[in-house]
Amino acid sequence: MRRTYHILLITISCNLLYQCARQTQPTGGPKDTDPPELVYANPINGQKNFKGSTIELIFDEAIKLKDPREEILITPSSGAKTKFLAKKNKVTIIPERKWQDSTTYSLAFRGGIQDVNESNPADDLHLAFSTGPTIDSLVLSGSVSEAFKEKIPEKITVALYQEDTFDIFKHKPIFFTKTNKQGKFSMQNLKAGKYFIYAFDDKNKNMKADSKTERFGFSANQVNLPENADSIHLVIVHLDTRPMKLTSVRNSNTISTIRFNKPLDSIKLIPERSSIIYTYGDSRSEVIVYKDFDKTDSILVRVKATDSVYQKLDTAVYVKFTDNKKPPEKFKPSAWSVDYDATTNQLVAELTSNKLLLSINYDSIYIQIDTAKYQSIKLENITVDTLLKKVTLKTILNINPKEKIPNPVLLFGKGAIITIDNDSSKSQDIKIKIPKAEDTGSMSIEINTKEEHFEVQLLTSDLKLIKSFRDLKKYTFAYLKPAEYRIQVIVDQNNNFRWEPGDFYKLQEPEKVILYKSLEKKYTIPVRANWEIGPLTITF
């Protein structure tokens, strides 16, 4: 009995081991790094007069599909409902629409086909065939970048169209591809001719640019193949080009709130009579109207607004009093930001508020230079932007920054600022730091360009603007605190002192933006105490 028991145990153990071996992949050995190789294709690459209805691909190992609708690009499009099937080492592609006659089709598989074991993608796999007697063979290549960004955008859709009536926000392209991790693209098997080219971040995968949520860019000039076959560069931006709309007007006992469907660049309200004061609300997509008229009246107000892409809205609304009470709001002024430029002796101080700023008490604001010397603030030194609820103080300090003096103090007495609700500001003492040459560094810039108008901006590493200059070929940023800095240049072609984002419908591209990059391919520039950096040459 004992011998029989042992034999039975061994038999059961062997059966268990056999079953385990059948259910798992073998372990050990070198890692599989070889991509699957295509061993058979129907049609074959470069085939003409293809009459089949499906595409069949066979590989040298078992494969799987990875996001085929996004990764396997077929141009011209075979339809959004094209089927991609994988079984063992075979892939079958069934187009939604029949292949068009006398047409060249190009397939780029990117990372859409991978091996089962290690997910290695098929390496640089392309397939082209024609349903007619000739096959198109021209290639268009280039790159995509994003304005004001150093990070290279990837998986950006690059597309072509030829009709003048084509709208990138409404129509789907026939020819398209996507950028790789380096921001580069290549569109193959094109025929000779003139094309318009554009790029967009197709997040919702509808093959249309959505200006509200997606970045996009375009070339104002046509691409003429085969002459312009490479070095195409597209710059994408994030712009909301939707038509501007006034969405609502809400009235209360003291204010009316006018809301829009997008942020505004400028706003002007013109009442038919009486007077009103208005500011932006919590965002620039709403305007607060403070009413100064009889409570039994309602006033027609003309609204003239412009958005960031210069679309205009000209409409009218009624503002009136209602019994709805606006809840009281606590006065929350920001901290004063103070900037002193030792090269010009100019002092700039700014404060923003959550409430409309109604008046400034100039007698309560002054600068203490030292224990015996004071500098008064005059009316022309202060501006109040009621729309942005901001106070700006600008003056020249009566000091010599090279002399050793205590840091001056900007003094605000109690009640220096009064809001529309009669809130008054608290007293404040703000030290003005005078930088010393031995504790700071400098950076000299040389510009090599034929452009007439441009602005060179010095930024912190987190993109805060420090200083800037315009239209000079040589300049030195002095008295810089030790830190990491960035430099960007905006080409101001129309000399209007602002960056133009472009307009697709007018075929106007965004104004050029250049980010300085060192020979080490770094975008940041370290400044140390008592250092002189440069000259840094920027060519554009």
Protein backbone atom coordinates (compact mmCIF):
# COMPACT_ATOMS: atom_id res chain seq x y z
CA MET A 1 0.00 0.00 0.00
CA ARG A 2 2.84 2.36 0.82
CA ARG A 3 4.53 1.84 -2.61
CA THR A 4 1.24 2.36 -4.43
CA TYR A 5 0.67 5.60 -2.55
CA HIS A 6 4.06 7.00 -3.68
CA ILE A 7 3.45 6.14 -7.31
CA LEU A 8 0.07 7.87 -7.23
CA LEU A 9 1.59 11.00 -5.65
CA ILE A 10 4.30 11.23 -8.30
CA THR A 11 1.71 10.83 -11.06
CA ILE A 12 -0.47 13.63 -9.67
CA SER A 13 2.54 15.93 -9.27
CA CYS A 14 3.59 15.33 -12.86
CA ASN A 15 0.09 16.09 -14.09
CA LEU A 16 0.05 19.35 -12.15
CA LEU A 17 3.43 20.38 -13.52
CA TYR A 18 2.35 19.53 -17.07
CA GLN A 19 -0.79 21.65 -16.74
CA CYS A 20 1.20 24.60 -15.35
CA ALA A 21 3.68 24.39 -18.22
CA ARG A 22 0.85 24.54 -20.75
CA GLN A 23 -0.64 27.71 -19.20
CA THR A 24 2.38 30.02 -18.81
CA GLN A 25 5.08 31.49 -21.03
CA PRO A 26 8.58 30.07 -20.47
CA THR A 27 10.72 32.28 -18.25
CA GLY A 28 14.40 33.13 -18.35
CA GLY A 29 16.68 33.79 -21.30
CA PRO A 30 17.47 37.11 -22.98
CA LYS A 31 14.79 39.78 -23.31
CA ASP A 32 13.08 39.95 -26.70
CA THR A 33 14.06 43.31 -28.24
CA ASP A 34 13.46 42.42 -31.90
CA PRO A 35 10.43 44.07 -33.52
CA PRO A 36 8.01 41.91 -35.51
CA GLU A 37 8.99 41.68 -39.18
CA LEU A 38 6.57 41.72 -42.06
CA VAL A 39 6.92 38.53 -44.13
CA TYR A 40 3.88 38.80 -46.38
CA ALA A 41 1.59 41.63 -47.54
CA ASN A 42 -1.38 41.80 -49.87
CA PRO A 43 -1.04 44.22 -51.55
CA ILE A 44 2.74 44.38 -51.55
CA ASN A 45 4.46 47.73 -51.07
CA GLY A 46 4.43 49.70 -54.31
CA GLN A 47 1.81 47.51 -55.98
CA LYS A 48 -0.24 49.02 -58.80
CA ASN A 49 -3.72 48.12 -60.06
CA PHE A 50 -4.72 46.62 -56.70
CA LYS A 51 -8.28 45.26 -56.94
CA GLY A 52 -8.66 43.62 -53.53
CA SER A 53 -11.13 44.77 -50.89
CA THR A 54 -9.01 44.23 -47.75
CA ILE A 55 -5.36 44.45 -46.67
CA GLU A 56 -3.64 41.42 -45.18
CA LEU A 57 -0.30 41.47 -43.33
CA ILE A 58 1.54 38.46 -41.91
CA PHE A 59 4.47 38.78 -39.47
CA ASP A 60 7.19 36.43 -38.24
CA GLU A 61 5.72 36.23 -34.72
CA ALA A 62 2.47 36.70 -32.80
CA ILE A 63 1.32 40.30 -32.75
CA LYS A 64 -1.27 42.57 -31.14
CA LEU A 65 -2.82 45.91 -32.02
CA LYS A 66 -2.19 49.08 -30.03
CA ASP A 67 -4.65 51.97 -30.61
CA PRO A 68 -4.93 51.13 -34.32
CA ARG A 69 -7.40 53.91 -35.15
CA GLU A 70 -4.90 56.45 -33.85
CA GLU A 71 -1.60 54.81 -34.70
CA ILE A 72 -2.33 53.29 -38.13
CA LEU A 73 -2.69 56.22 -40.51
CA ILE A 74 -4.31 55.63 -43.89
CA THR A 75 -4.31 58.46 -46.44
CA PRO A 76 -6.53 59.23 -48.20
CA SER A 77 -8.85 58.25 -45.36
CA SER A 78 -10.68 54.96 -45.70
CA GLY A 79 -13.31 56.01 -43.15
CA ALA A 80 -13.47 56.41 -39.38
CA LYS A 81 -15.11 52.99 -39.00
CA THR A 82 -12.34 51.08 -40.76
CA LYS A 83 -11.79 47.75 -38.97
CA PHE A 84 -8.41 46.49 -37.74
CA LEU A 85 -8.30 42.80 -36.79
CA ALA A 86 -5.41 40.79 -35.34
CA LYS A 87 -5.22 37.01 -34.99
CA LYS A 88 -1.98 35.26 -34.08
CA ASN A 89 0.57 36.72 -36.54
CA LYS A 90 -1.93 38.14 -39.04
CA VAL A 91 -3.48 41.62 -39.35
CA THR A 92 -6.51 42.32 -41.53
CA ILE A 93 -7.67 45.83 -42.44
CA ILE A 94 -11.23 46.21 -43.72
CA PRO A 95 -11.94 49.76 -45.02
CA GLU A 96 -15.24 51.43 -44.23
CA ARG A 97 -15.36 52.77 -47.78
CA LYS A 98 -14.23 50.99 -50.92
CA TRP A 99 -10.83 51.91 -52.27
CA GLN A 100 -11.21 54.71 -54.82
CA ASP A 101 -10.24 54.09 -58.45
CA SER A 102 -6.85 55.31 -59.71
CA THR A 103 -5.80 56.43 -56.24
CA THR A 104 -2.55 55.99 -54.32
CA TYR A 105 -2.99 54.92 -50.69
CA SER A 106 -0.30 55.29 -48.05
CA LEU A 107 -0.30 53.46 -44.70
CA ALA A 108 1.96 54.42 -41.77
CA PHE A 109 1.73 51.96 -38.89
CA ARG A 110 3.69 53.91 -36.24
CA GLY A 111 3.22 51.96 -32.95
CA GLY A 112 -0.04 50.31 -34.00
CA ILE A 113 1.36 46.78 -34.45
CA GLN A 114 3.41 45.21 -31.64
CA ASP A 115 4.69 41.78 -30.67
CA VAL A 116 2.86 39.96 -27.88
CA ASN A 117 5.78 39.28 -25.54
CA GLU A 118 7.50 42.66 -25.09
CA SER A 119 5.23 45.08 -27.02
CA ASN A 120 7.99 45.90 -29.48
CA PRO A 121 6.40 47.94 -32.32
CA ALA A 122 6.96 47.05 -35.96
CA ASP A 123 9.95 49.16 -36.96
CA ASP A 124 9.24 52.06 -39.38
CA LEU A 125 6.58 50.11 -41.23
CA HIS A 126 5.01 51.79 -44.28
CA LEU A 127 2.91 50.41 -47.10
CA ALA A 128 1.81 52.13 -50.31
CA PHE A 129 -0.29 50.81 -53.16
CA SER A 130 -2.34 52.16 -56.04
CA THR A 131 -5.70 51.14 -57.42
CA GLY A 132 -4.60 52.49 -60.81
CA PRO A 133 -1.67 52.03 -63.23
CA THR A 134 0.57 54.67 -61.53
CA ILE A 135 1.64 55.26 -57.95
CA ASP A 136 2.39 58.70 -56.47
CA SER A 137 5.83 58.93 -54.89
CA LEU A 138 6.47 62.48 -53.65
CA VAL A 139 7.32 63.05 -49.97
CA LEU A 140 6.59 66.13 -47.85
CA SER A 141 8.43 66.49 -44.53
CA GLY A 142 8.95 69.08 -41.82
CA SER A 143 8.45 69.82 -38.13
CA VAL A 144 6.01 71.35 -35.65
CA SER A 145 6.68 73.50 -32.57
CA GLU A 146 4.50 75.46 -30.15
CA ALA A 147 4.74 79.23 -29.71
CA PHE A 148 6.37 80.30 -26.40
CA LYS A 149 7.07 76.64 -25.49
CA GLU A 150 10.38 74.79 -25.47
CA LYS A 151 8.76 71.37 -25.14
CA ILE A 152 8.32 69.66 -28.49
CA PRO A 153 4.67 68.71 -29.14
CA GLU A 154 4.14 65.13 -30.31
CA LYS A 155 1.30 63.25 -31.95
CA ILE A 156 0.17 66.47 -33.63
CA THR A 157 -1.92 65.84 -36.76
CA VAL A 158 -0.45 67.45 -39.88
CA ALA A 159 -2.87 67.68 -42.80
CA LEU A 160 -3.17 68.93 -46.38
CA TYR A 161 -5.99 70.49 -48.36
CA GLN A 162 -6.29 72.09 -51.80
CA GLU A 163 -9.72 73.77 -52.00
CA ASP A 164 -9.84 77.51 -51.22
CA THR A 165 -13.14 76.99 -49.41
CA PHE A 166 -11.68 74.40 -47.01
CA ASP A 167 -12.19 75.25 -43.31
CA ILE A 168 -9.89 73.53 -40.79
CA PHE A 169 -12.56 73.99 -38.08
CA LYS A 170 -15.36 72.40 -40.11
CA HIS A 171 -13.90 70.02 -42.71
CA LYS A 172 -11.84 66.83 -42.54
CA PRO A 173 -8.61 66.49 -44.55
CA ILE A 174 -7.90 63.68 -46.97
CA PHE A 175 -4.10 63.59 -46.55
CA PHE A 176 -2.69 63.60 -43.04
CA THR A 177 0.01 62.22 -40.77
CA LYS A 178 1.23 62.75 -37.19
CA THR A 179 4.42 64.08 -35.65
CA ASN A 180 6.85 61.88 -33.74
CA LYS A 181 8.54 62.55 -30.39
CA GLN A 182 10.96 64.95 -32.08
CA GLY A 183 8.09 66.97 -33.52
CA LYS A 184 8.91 65.85 -37.07
CA PHE A 185 6.55 64.52 -39.71
CA SER A 186 6.72 62.90 -43.12
CA MET A 187 3.83 62.54 -45.56
CA GLN A 188 4.53 60.03 -48.33
CA ASN A 189 3.11 59.02 -51.71
CA LEU A 190 1.78 62.44 -52.67
CA LYS A 191 1.16 63.67 -56.19
CA ALA A 192 2.62 66.85 -57.63
CA GLY A 193 0.55 69.99 -57.04
CA LYS A 194 -0.15 72.88 -54.70
CA TYR A 195 -1.39 72.26 -51.18
CA PHE A 196 -2.22 74.21 -48.03
CA ILE A 197 -0.80 72.64 -44.87
CA TYR A 198 -1.93 72.91 -41.25
CA ALA A 199 -1.45 71.16 -37.92
CA PHE A 200 -3.71 70.56 -34.92
CA ASP A 201 -3.84 68.60 -31.68
CA ASP A 202 -6.77 66.32 -32.45
CA LYS A 203 -7.72 65.48 -28.86
CA ASN A 204 -11.29 64.50 -29.64
CA LYS A 205 -10.16 62.53 -32.74
CA ASN A 206 -12.76 64.04 -35.05
CA MET A 207 -10.16 65.15 -37.61
CA LYS A 208 -11.16 68.80 -37.19
CA ALA A 209 -9.37 71.59 -35.35
CA ASP A 210 -11.31 72.66 -32.26
CA SER A 211 -10.11 76.14 -31.36
CA LYS A 212 -11.66 76.07 -27.88
CA THR A 213 -9.71 73.04 -26.64
CA GLU A 214 -7.02 72.24 -29.22
CA ARG A 215 -3.78 73.83 -30.35
CA PHE A 216 -3.48 74.51 -34.06
CA GLY A 217 -1.33 76.25 -36.65
CA PHE A 218 -1.08 76.71 -40.40
CA SER A 219 1.04 78.03 -43.24
CA ALA A 220 -0.30 81.08 -45.06
CA ASN A 221 1.60 80.05 -48.19
CA GLN A 222 0.85 77.08 -50.40
CA VAL A 223 3.28 74.18 -50.58
CA ASN A 224 4.21 73.44 -54.19
CA LEU A 225 5.32 69.85 -54.73
CA PRO A 226 7.90 68.79 -55.69
CA GLU A 227 9.67 72.18 -55.23
CA ASN A 228 8.83 72.63 -51.52
CA ALA A 229 9.25 69.07 -50.35
CA ASP A 230 11.07 69.59 -47.05
CA SER A 231 11.93 72.06 -44.28
CA ILE A 232 8.26 72.92 -43.71
CA HIS A 233 7.83 74.32 -40.20
CA LEU A 234 4.48 74.92 -38.52
CA VAL A 235 3.89 76.76 -35.24
CA ILE A 236 0.83 75.81 -33.21
CA VAL A 237 -0.93 78.06 -30.70
CA HIS A 238 -3.90 77.71 -28.37
CA LEU A 239 -6.50 80.30 -29.43
CA ASP A 240 -10.22 80.42 -28.90
CA THR A 241 -11.55 81.53 -32.31
CA ARG A 242 -15.21 80.85 -31.57
CA PRO A 243 -17.54 83.76 -32.38
CA MET A 244 -17.99 86.00 -29.37
CA LYS A 245 -21.40 85.93 -27.66
CA LEU A 246 -23.06 87.73 -24.77
CA THR A 247 -24.52 84.87 -22.76
CA SER A 248 -26.38 86.47 -19.85
CA VAL A 249 -27.17 89.60 -17.82
CA ARG A 250 -27.85 89.22 -14.11
CA ASN A 251 -29.18 92.19 -12.13
CA SER A 252 -29.10 92.80 -8.39
CA ASN A 253 -29.83 95.71 -6.08
CA THR A 254 -26.41 97.31 -6.65
CA ILE A 255 -24.74 95.76 -9.71
CA SER A 256 -25.40 94.01 -12.99
CA THR A 257 -23.17 91.21 -14.25
CA ILE A 258 -22.75 90.80 -18.01
CA ARG A 259 -21.24 87.46 -19.02
CA PHE A 260 -19.63 86.39 -22.29
CA ASN A 261 -18.72 82.98 -23.70
CA LYS A 262 -14.97 83.74 -23.72
CA PRO A 263 -12.41 86.14 -22.20
CA LEU A 264 -12.31 89.67 -23.62
CA ASP A 265 -9.37 91.70 -24.81
CA SER A 266 -11.23 95.00 -24.49
CA ILE A 267 -14.69 96.23 -23.51
CA LYS A 268 -16.57 99.54 -23.78
CA LEU A 269 -20.04 100.19 -22.36
CA ILE A 270 -21.99 103.20 -23.60
CA PRO A 271 -25.22 103.97 -21.67
CA GLU A 272 -28.05 105.82 -23.42
CA ARG A 273 -28.22 108.26 -20.49
CA SER A 274 -27.04 108.76 -16.92
CA SER A 275 -23.67 107.24 -15.98
CA ILE A 276 -22.23 103.86 -15.11
CA ILE A 277 -18.91 102.54 -13.87
CA TYR A 278 -17.79 99.06 -14.86
CA THR A 279 -14.95 96.62 -14.19
CA TYR A 280 -14.01 93.10 -15.10
CA GLY A 281 -15.40 90.48 -12.73
CA ASP A 282 -13.62 87.42 -11.36
CA SER A 283 -12.43 86.75 -14.92
CA ARG A 284 -12.25 88.72 -18.15
CA SER A 285 -15.29 86.86 -19.47
CA GLU A 286 -17.60 88.89 -17.22
CA VAL A 287 -18.15 92.63 -16.67
CA ILE A 288 -19.58 94.18 -13.49
CA VAL A 289 -21.72 97.31 -13.93
CA TYR A 290 -22.09 99.67 -10.94
CA LYS A 291 -25.34 101.55 -11.42
CA ASP A 292 -25.70 105.25 -10.68
CA PHE A 293 -29.26 106.05 -11.71
CA ASP A 294 -32.80 106.01 -10.32
CA LYS A 295 -33.88 102.62 -9.04
CA THR A 296 -37.13 102.74 -10.98
CA ASP A 297 -35.30 103.07 -14.29
CA SER A 298 -33.70 100.58 -16.62
CA ILE A 299 -31.00 101.78 -18.99
CA LEU A 300 -30.11 100.55 -22.44
CA VAL A 301 -26.34 100.01 -22.64
CA ARG A 302 -24.44 99.52 -25.87
CA VAL A 303 -21.77 96.83 -25.54
CA LYS A 304 -18.67 96.97 -27.76
CA ALA A 305 -16.26 94.13 -27.08
CA THR A 306 -13.18 92.62 -28.73
CA ASP A 307 -11.58 89.23 -28.05
CA SER A 308 -7.94 88.15 -28.29
CA VAL A 309 -8.19 87.39 -32.02
CA TYR A 310 -9.81 90.78 -32.77
CA GLN A 311 -13.31 89.47 -33.29
CA LYS A 312 -15.77 92.22 -32.45
CA LEU A 313 -19.18 92.20 -30.80
CA ASP A 314 -21.53 95.19 -30.96
CA THR A 315 -24.83 94.67 -29.18
CA ALA A 316 -27.07 96.21 -26.51
CA VAL A 317 -28.53 95.11 -23.17
CA TYR A 318 -30.72 96.58 -20.46
CA VAL A 319 -29.37 96.98 -16.94
CA LYS A 320 -31.76 97.63 -14.09
CA PHE A 321 -32.27 97.33 -10.35
CA THR A 322 -33.91 94.25 -8.85
CA ASP A 323 -34.70 93.10 -5.33
CA ASN A 324 -31.93 90.50 -5.51
CA LYS A 325 -29.38 91.53 -2.93
CA LYS A 326 -25.71 91.20 -3.67
CA PRO A 327 -24.01 89.57 -0.67
CA PRO A 328 -21.39 91.79 1.00
CA GLU A 329 -17.83 91.15 -0.14
CA LYS A 330 -14.74 91.65 1.99
CA PHE A 331 -12.07 94.00 0.64
CA LYS A 332 -9.10 91.86 -0.45
CA PRO A 333 -6.30 93.94 -1.93
CA SER A 334 -3.22 92.16 -3.18
CA ALA A 335 0.20 92.76 -1.70
CA TRP A 336 2.05 95.64 -3.31
CA SER A 337 4.56 94.45 -5.91
CA VAL A 338 7.57 96.78 -5.95
CA ASP A 339 10.25 96.88 -8.65
CA TYR A 340 13.22 99.25 -8.65
CA ASP A 341 15.47 99.61 -11.71
CA ALA A 342 18.92 100.79 -10.62
CA THR A 343 19.90 101.70 -14.20
CA THR A 344 17.11 104.30 -14.51
CA ASN A 345 16.24 104.93 -10.84
CA GLN A 346 12.60 104.21 -11.69
CA LEU A 347 10.34 102.74 -9.02
CA VAL A 348 7.16 100.89 -10.10
CA ALA A 349 4.65 99.62 -7.54
CA GLU A 350 1.34 97.91 -8.32
CA LEU A 351 -1.68 96.72 -6.37
CA THR A 352 -4.82 94.92 -7.58
CA SER A 353 -8.13 94.60 -5.80
CA ASN A 354 -11.26 92.48 -5.82
CA LYS A 355 -13.31 95.69 -5.63
CA LEU A 356 -13.62 98.84 -7.69
CA LEU A 357 -11.09 101.41 -6.49
CA LEU A 358 -12.85 104.74 -6.16
CA SER A 359 -10.31 107.23 -4.82
CA ILE A 360 -6.65 107.70 -3.85
CA ASN A 361 -5.45 109.87 -0.97
CA TYR A 362 -2.12 111.13 -2.33
CA ASP A 363 -1.20 112.88 0.93
CA SER A 364 -1.06 109.46 2.60
CA ILE A 365 1.56 108.07 0.21
CA TYR A 366 5.24 109.01 0.30
CA ILE A 367 8.77 107.58 0.27
CA GLN A 368 11.16 107.76 3.18
CA ILE A 369 14.64 108.03 1.66
CA ASP A 370 16.38 108.07 5.05
CA THR A 371 15.64 109.27 8.57
CA ALA A 372 15.71 112.92 7.49
CA LYS A 373 14.64 112.88 3.85
CA TYR A 374 11.22 112.20 2.34
CA GLN A 375 9.94 112.16 -1.25
CA SER A 376 6.31 113.04 -1.89
CA ILE A 377 4.04 111.31 -4.41
CA LYS A 378 2.21 113.53 -6.88
CA LEU A 379 -0.98 113.10 -8.85
CA GLU A 380 0.90 112.29 -12.07
CA ASN A 381 2.79 109.47 -10.33
CA ILE A 382 -0.33 107.32 -9.83
CA THR A 383 -2.76 105.84 -12.35
CA VAL A 384 -5.91 103.90 -11.52
CA ASP A 385 -7.25 101.35 -14.00
CA THR A 386 -10.90 101.00 -12.97
CA LEU A 387 -11.51 98.23 -15.50
CA LEU A 388 -8.74 96.00 -14.12
CA LYS A 389 -9.11 97.32 -10.53
CA LYS A 390 -5.41 98.14 -10.42
CA VAL A 391 -3.31 101.00 -9.00
CA THR A 392 0.12 101.73 -10.51
CA LEU A 393 2.68 104.04 -8.93
CA LYS A 394 5.64 105.21 -11.05
CA THR A 395 8.30 107.66 -9.95
CA ILE A 396 12.05 108.36 -10.08
CA LEU A 397 13.77 107.88 -6.74
CA ASN A 398 15.86 110.83 -5.61
CA ILE A 399 18.88 108.72 -4.72
CA ASN A 400 22.26 107.73 -6.07
CA PRO A 401 22.25 103.91 -6.17
CA LYS A 402 26.06 103.85 -6.06
CA GLU A 403 26.11 105.51 -2.65
CA LYS A 404 25.75 103.48 0.50
CA ILE A 405 22.32 104.39 1.87
CA PRO A 406 19.69 102.51 3.85
CA ASN A 407 16.94 100.91 1.78
CA PRO A 408 14.16 103.49 1.19
CA VAL A 409 10.64 102.71 2.39
CA LEU A 410 7.39 103.20 0.47
CA LEU A 411 4.78 104.31 2.99
CA PHE A 412 1.00 104.05 2.65
CA GLY A 413 -1.03 105.65 5.41
CA LYS A 414 -4.37 104.30 6.56
CA GLY A 415 -7.10 105.12 4.06
CA ALA A 416 -4.71 105.75 1.17
CA ILE A 417 -7.09 103.75 -1.05
CA ILE A 418 -10.90 103.85 -0.86
CA THR A 419 -13.20 101.36 -2.66
CA ILE A 420 -16.68 101.92 -4.05
CA ASP A 421 -18.08 100.31 -0.86
CA ASN A 422 -16.07 102.78 1.30
CA ASP A 423 -13.54 100.16 2.36
CA SER A 424 -10.23 101.77 3.24
CA SER A 425 -6.78 100.26 2.99
CA LYS A 426 -4.57 99.63 6.01
CA SER A 427 -1.28 101.40 6.59
CA GLN A 428 1.73 99.68 5.02
CA ASP A 429 5.51 100.09 5.03
CA ILE A 430 7.26 98.45 2.07
CA LYS A 431 11.06 98.33 1.87
CA ILE A 432 12.60 99.18 -1.49
CA LYS A 433 15.66 97.01 -1.99
CA ILE A 434 18.53 98.84 -3.68
CA PRO A 435 20.75 96.24 -5.40
CA LYS A 436 24.52 96.46 -5.06
CA ALA A 437 26.74 95.90 -8.10
CA GLU A 438 28.90 93.34 -6.28
CA ASP A 439 25.80 91.30 -5.36
CA THR A 440 24.36 91.21 -8.88
CA GLY A 441 25.32 90.19 -12.40
CA SER A 442 24.78 91.47 -15.92
CA MET A 443 23.85 89.96 -19.28
CA SER A 444 24.65 91.60 -22.62
CA ILE A 445 22.61 90.83 -25.74
CA GLU A 446 23.43 91.29 -29.43
CA ILE A 447 20.67 90.98 -32.04
CA ASN A 448 21.34 89.94 -35.62
CA THR A 449 18.22 90.50 -37.71
CA LYS A 450 16.71 92.40 -40.61
CA GLU A 451 13.41 92.83 -38.74
CA GLU A 452 12.64 96.46 -37.89
CA HIS A 453 10.49 95.94 -34.83
CA PHE A 454 10.98 93.36 -32.10
CA GLU A 455 10.91 93.04 -28.32
CA VAL A 456 13.52 91.14 -26.31
CA GLN A 457 12.18 89.92 -22.98
CA LEU A 458 14.15 88.73 -19.96
CA LEU A 459 12.15 86.18 -17.95
CA THR A 460 12.66 84.24 -14.75
CA SER A 461 12.88 80.45 -14.98
CA ASP A 462 9.14 80.30 -14.19
CA LEU A 463 8.40 82.74 -17.06
CA LYS A 464 7.80 85.95 -15.09
CA LEU A 465 8.75 89.04 -17.12
CA ILE A 466 11.61 90.97 -15.50
CA LYS A 467 12.75 93.52 -18.10
CA SER A 468 12.54 94.08 -21.84
CA PHE A 469 13.85 96.33 -24.61
CA ARG A 470 12.72 97.13 -28.15
CA ASP A 471 14.38 97.56 -31.54
CA LEU A 472 17.96 97.74 -30.23
CA LYS A 473 20.80 95.65 -31.67
CA LYS A 474 22.84 95.81 -28.44
CA TYR A 475 21.67 95.98 -24.85
CA THR A 476 22.84 94.99 -21.37
CA PHE A 477 20.56 93.80 -18.59
CA ALA A 478 22.29 95.09 -15.45
CA TYR A 479 21.79 94.61 -11.71
CA LEU A 480 20.35 91.11 -12.12
CA LYS A 481 19.78 89.03 -9.03
CA PRO A 482 21.64 85.70 -9.03
CA ALA A 483 19.17 83.27 -10.59
CA GLU A 484 18.29 81.30 -13.72
CA TYR A 485 16.86 83.41 -16.56
CA ARG A 486 15.31 82.91 -19.99
CA ILE A 487 15.23 85.13 -23.06
CA GLN A 488 12.51 85.28 -25.68
CA VAL A 489 12.12 87.57 -28.66
CA ILE A 490 8.78 88.60 -30.18
CA VAL A 491 8.90 89.93 -33.74
CA ASP A 492 6.41 92.81 -33.79
CA GLN A 493 5.86 93.12 -37.53
CA ASN A 494 3.06 95.71 -37.34
CA ASN A 495 4.72 97.61 -34.45
CA ASN A 496 1.59 97.63 -32.30
CA PHE A 497 3.41 96.59 -29.09
CA ARG A 498 1.60 93.28 -28.75
CA TRP A 499 1.98 89.73 -30.05
CA GLU A 500 -0.41 88.91 -32.89
CA PRO A 501 -1.80 85.34 -32.68
CA GLY A 502 -2.76 85.15 -36.37
CA ASP A 503 -6.04 84.55 -38.18
CA PHE A 504 -6.77 81.48 -40.30
CA TYR A 505 -9.58 83.12 -42.25
CA LYS A 506 -7.31 86.01 -43.23
CA LEU A 507 -4.34 83.66 -43.79
CA GLN A 508 -2.28 85.61 -41.26
CA GLU A 509 0.23 83.51 -39.34
CA PRO A 510 1.17 84.27 -35.71
CA GLU A 511 4.04 86.68 -35.25
CA LYS A 512 7.35 84.89 -34.81
CA VAL A 513 8.61 84.02 -31.32
CA ILE A 514 12.26 83.06 -30.77
CA LEU A 515 13.40 81.26 -27.60
CA TYR A 516 17.11 81.66 -26.89
CA LYS A 517 18.93 78.34 -26.61
CA SER A 518 22.59 78.03 -25.65
CA LEU A 519 25.20 75.95 -27.45
CA GLU A 520 24.56 73.33 -24.77
CA LYS A 521 20.91 73.36 -25.94
CA LYS A 522 19.69 74.81 -22.66
CA TYR A 523 16.95 77.43 -22.46
CA THR A 524 17.99 78.80 -19.07
CA ILE A 525 20.94 81.11 -18.44
CA PRO A 526 22.56 81.18 -14.98
CA VAL A 527 23.56 84.58 -13.57
CA ARG A 528 25.90 84.76 -10.58
CA ALA A 529 26.93 87.64 -8.34
CA ASN A 530 29.60 89.86 -9.87
CA TRP A 531 29.35 88.02 -13.22
CA GLU A 532 29.19 89.49 -16.70
CA ILE A 533 27.55 87.17 -19.23
CA GLY A 534 27.68 87.63 -22.96
CA PRO A 535 27.36 88.97 -25.41
CA LEU A 536 24.69 86.42 -26.26
CA THR A 537 23.97 86.60 -29.99
CA ILE A 538 20.42 85.98 -31.17
CA THR A 539 19.85 85.64 -34.91
CA PHE A 540 16.45 85.64 -36.57
